[in-house]
C-alpha atoms as a PDB file:
ATOM      1  CA  UNK A   1       0.366  -0.072  -0.104  1.00  0.00           C
ATOM      2  CA  UNK A   2       1.271   3.135  -0.446  1.00  0.00           C
ATOM      3  CA  UNK A   3       0.729   6.984   0.096  1.00  0.00           C
ATOM      4  CA  UNK A   4       1.305   9.363  -2.573  1.00  0.00           C
ATOM      5  CA  UNK A   5       1.643  13.243  -1.861  1.00  0.00           C
ATOM      6  CA  UNK A   6       3.290  16.649  -3.428  1.00  0.00           C
ATOM      7  CA  UNK A   7       6.158  14.757  -4.314  1.00  0.00           C
ATOM      8  CA  UNK A   8       4.684  11.396  -4.924  1.00  0.00           C
ATOM      9  CA  UNK A   9       6.809   9.617  -1.990  1.00  0.00           C
ATOM     10  CA  UNK A  10       5.057   6.700  -0.249  1.00  0.00           C
ATOM     11  CA  UNK A  11       5.654   3.358   2.048  1.00  0.00           C
ATOM     12  CA  UNK A  12       6.325   0.160   1.105  1.00  0.00           C
ATOM     13  CA  UNK A  13       6.373  -0.822   3.261  1.00  0.00           C
ATOM     14  CA  UNK A  14       5.012   0.816   5.317  1.00  0.00           C
ATOM     15  CA  UNK A  15       7.938   1.537   7.934  1.00  0.00           C
ATOM     16  CA  UNK A  16       9.979   2.407   5.012  1.00  0.00           C
ATOM     17  CA  UNK A  17       9.699   5.792   2.711  1.00  0.00           C
ATOM     18  CA  UNK A  18      11.532   5.871   0.044  1.00  0.00           C
ATOM     19  CA  UNK A  19      11.029   7.963  -3.681  1.00  0.00           C
ATOM     20  CA  UNK A  20       8.745   6.836  -6.239  1.00  0.00           C
ATOM     21  CA  UNK A  21      12.199   7.248  -8.319  1.00  0.00           C
ATOM     22  CA  UNK A  22      13.689   5.471  -6.437  1.00  0.00           C
ATOM     23  CA  UNK A  23      12.329   2.458  -5.704  1.00  0.00           C
ATOM     24  CA  UNK A  24      11.176   2.282  -9.505  1.00  0.00           C
ATOM     25  CA  UNK A  25      14.568   1.392 -10.026  1.00  0.00           C
ATOM     26  CA  UNK A  26      15.396  -0.298  -7.353  1.00  0.00           C
ATOM     27  CA  UNK A  27      12.965  -3.183  -8.552  1.00  0.00           C
ATOM     28  CA  UNK A  28      13.728  -3.281 -12.182  1.00  0.00           C
ATOM     29  CA  UNK A  29      17.636  -3.440 -10.736  1.00  0.00           C
ATOM     30  CA  UNK A  30      16.060  -6.350  -8.770  1.00  0.00           C
ATOM     31  CA  UNK A  31      14.311  -8.186 -11.469  1.00  0.00           C
ATOM     32  CA  UNK A  32      16.754  -8.054 -13.968  1.00  0.00           C
ATOM     33  CA  UNK A  33      14.651  -5.992 -16.398  1.00  0.00           C
ATOM     34  CA  UNK A  34      15.988  -2.909 -19.015  1.00  0.00           C
ATOM     35  CA  UNK A  35      13.190  -0.427 -18.750  1.00  0.00           C
ATOM     36  CA  UNK A  36      12.050  -1.526 -21.939  1.00  0.00           C
ATOM     37  CA  UNK A  37      12.001  -4.598 -20.568  1.00  0.00           C
ATOM     38  CA  UNK A  38       9.927  -2.807 -18.331  1.00  0.00           C
ATOM     39  CA  UNK A  39       8.511  -0.958 -20.586  1.00  0.00           C
ATOM     40  CA  UNK A  40       6.995  -3.805 -22.415  1.00  0.00           C
ATOM     41  CA  UNK A  41       6.063  -6.021 -19.275  1.00  0.00           C
ATOM     42  CA  UNK A  42       3.234  -3.556 -17.950  1.00  0.00           C
ATOM     43  CA  UNK A  43       2.032  -1.963 -20.893  1.00  0.00           C
ATOM     44  CA  UNK A  44       3.218   1.512 -20.728  1.00  0.00           C
ATOM     45  CA  UNK A  45       5.278   3.183 -22.904  1.00  0.00           C
ATOM     46  CA  UNK A  46       8.914   3.465 -22.098  1.00  0.00           C
ATOM     47  CA  UNK A  47       8.788   7.705 -22.226  1.00  0.00           C
ATOM     48  CA  UNK A  48       6.832   6.892 -18.631  1.00  0.00           C
ATOM     49  CA  UNK A  49       9.169   4.367 -17.110  1.00  0.00           C
ATOM     50  CA  UNK A  50      12.302   6.743 -17.831  1.00  0.00           C
ATOM     51  CA  UNK A  51       9.850  10.098 -16.448  1.00  0.00           C
ATOM     52  CA  UNK A  52       9.198   7.983 -13.308  1.00  0.00           C
ATOM     53  CA  UNK A  53      12.824   7.403 -12.877  1.00  0.00           C
ATOM     54  CA  UNK A  54      14.041  10.231 -13.205  1.00  0.00           C
ATOM     55  CA  UNK A  55      11.686  11.630 -10.652  1.00  0.00           C
ATOM     56  CA  UNK A  56       9.071  13.271 -13.280  1.00  0.00           C
ATOM     57  CA  UNK A  57       6.460  14.686 -10.308  1.00  0.00           C
ATOM     58  CA  UNK A  58       3.028  14.569 -12.321  1.00  0.00           C
ATOM     59  CA  UNK A  59       2.258  11.661 -13.689  1.00  0.00           C
ATOM     60  CA  UNK A  60      -1.227   9.802 -14.275  1.00  0.00           C
ATOM     61  CA  UNK A  61      -1.572   7.598 -11.416  1.00  0.00           C
ATOM     62  CA  UNK A  62      -3.335   5.546 -13.336  1.00  0.00           C
ATOM     63  CA  UNK A  63      -0.159   4.351 -16.102  1.00  0.00           C
ATOM     64  CA  UNK A  64       2.354   4.696 -12.851  1.00  0.00           C
ATOM     65  CA  UNK A  65      -0.370   2.127 -10.891  1.00  0.00           C
ATOM     66  CA  UNK A  66       0.583  -0.287 -13.710  1.00  0.00           C
ATOM     67  CA  UNK A  67       4.154  -0.227 -13.293  1.00  0.00           C
ATOM     68  CA  UNK A  68       3.842  -0.432  -9.788  1.00  0.00           C
ATOM     69  CA  UNK A  69       1.571  -3.627  -9.447  1.00  0.00           C
ATOM     70  CA  UNK A  70       4.213  -5.418 -11.531  1.00  0.00           C
ATOM     71  CA  UNK A  71       5.742  -5.241  -8.023  1.00  0.00           C
ATOM     72  CA  UNK A  72       2.587  -5.515  -5.800  1.00  0.00           C
ATOM     73  CA  UNK A  73       2.734  -1.509  -5.167  1.00  0.00           C
ATOM     74  CA  UNK A  74       0.564   1.068  -5.766  1.00  0.00           C
ATOM     75  CA  UNK A  75      -0.162   4.132  -4.852  1.00  0.00           C
ATOM     76  CA  UNK A  76      -2.765   5.861  -3.041  1.00  0.00           C
ATOM     77  CA  UNK A  77      -4.039   9.110  -1.957  1.00  0.00           C
ATOM     78  CA  UNK A  78      -4.595   9.739   1.518  1.00  0.00           C
ATOM     79  CA  UNK A  79      -6.595  12.202   2.419  1.00  0.00           C
ATOM     80  CA  UNK A  80      -5.921  13.642   6.007  1.00  0.00           C
ATOM     81  CA  UNK A  81      -7.905  15.599   8.807  1.00  0.00           C
ATOM     82  CA  UNK A  82      -9.248  18.763   9.117  1.00  0.00           C
ATOM     83  CA  UNK A  83      -7.717  19.091  12.516  1.00  0.00           C
ATOM     84  CA  UNK A  84      -9.427  22.777  13.018  1.00  0.00           C
ATOM     85  CA  UNK A  85     -12.374  22.526  13.165  1.00  0.00           C
END
């Protein structure tokens, strides 16, 4: 489970905070996949994989989740409660 924020930070698992670009690159390399292979395997464009790994901060969550699903992870929106009223 993940938590999306302004910089697309998420928890995976909950006790480890990691940047999306670092997580994706680490998981891709551990799986011995090239960026091209990851794009083909997940059905997204090579450009998106490269942009995520380079730290792009705006992208479609559904496409990001399409890639993260391969590694058993996803981004979600975490709504903060209003403590002032």
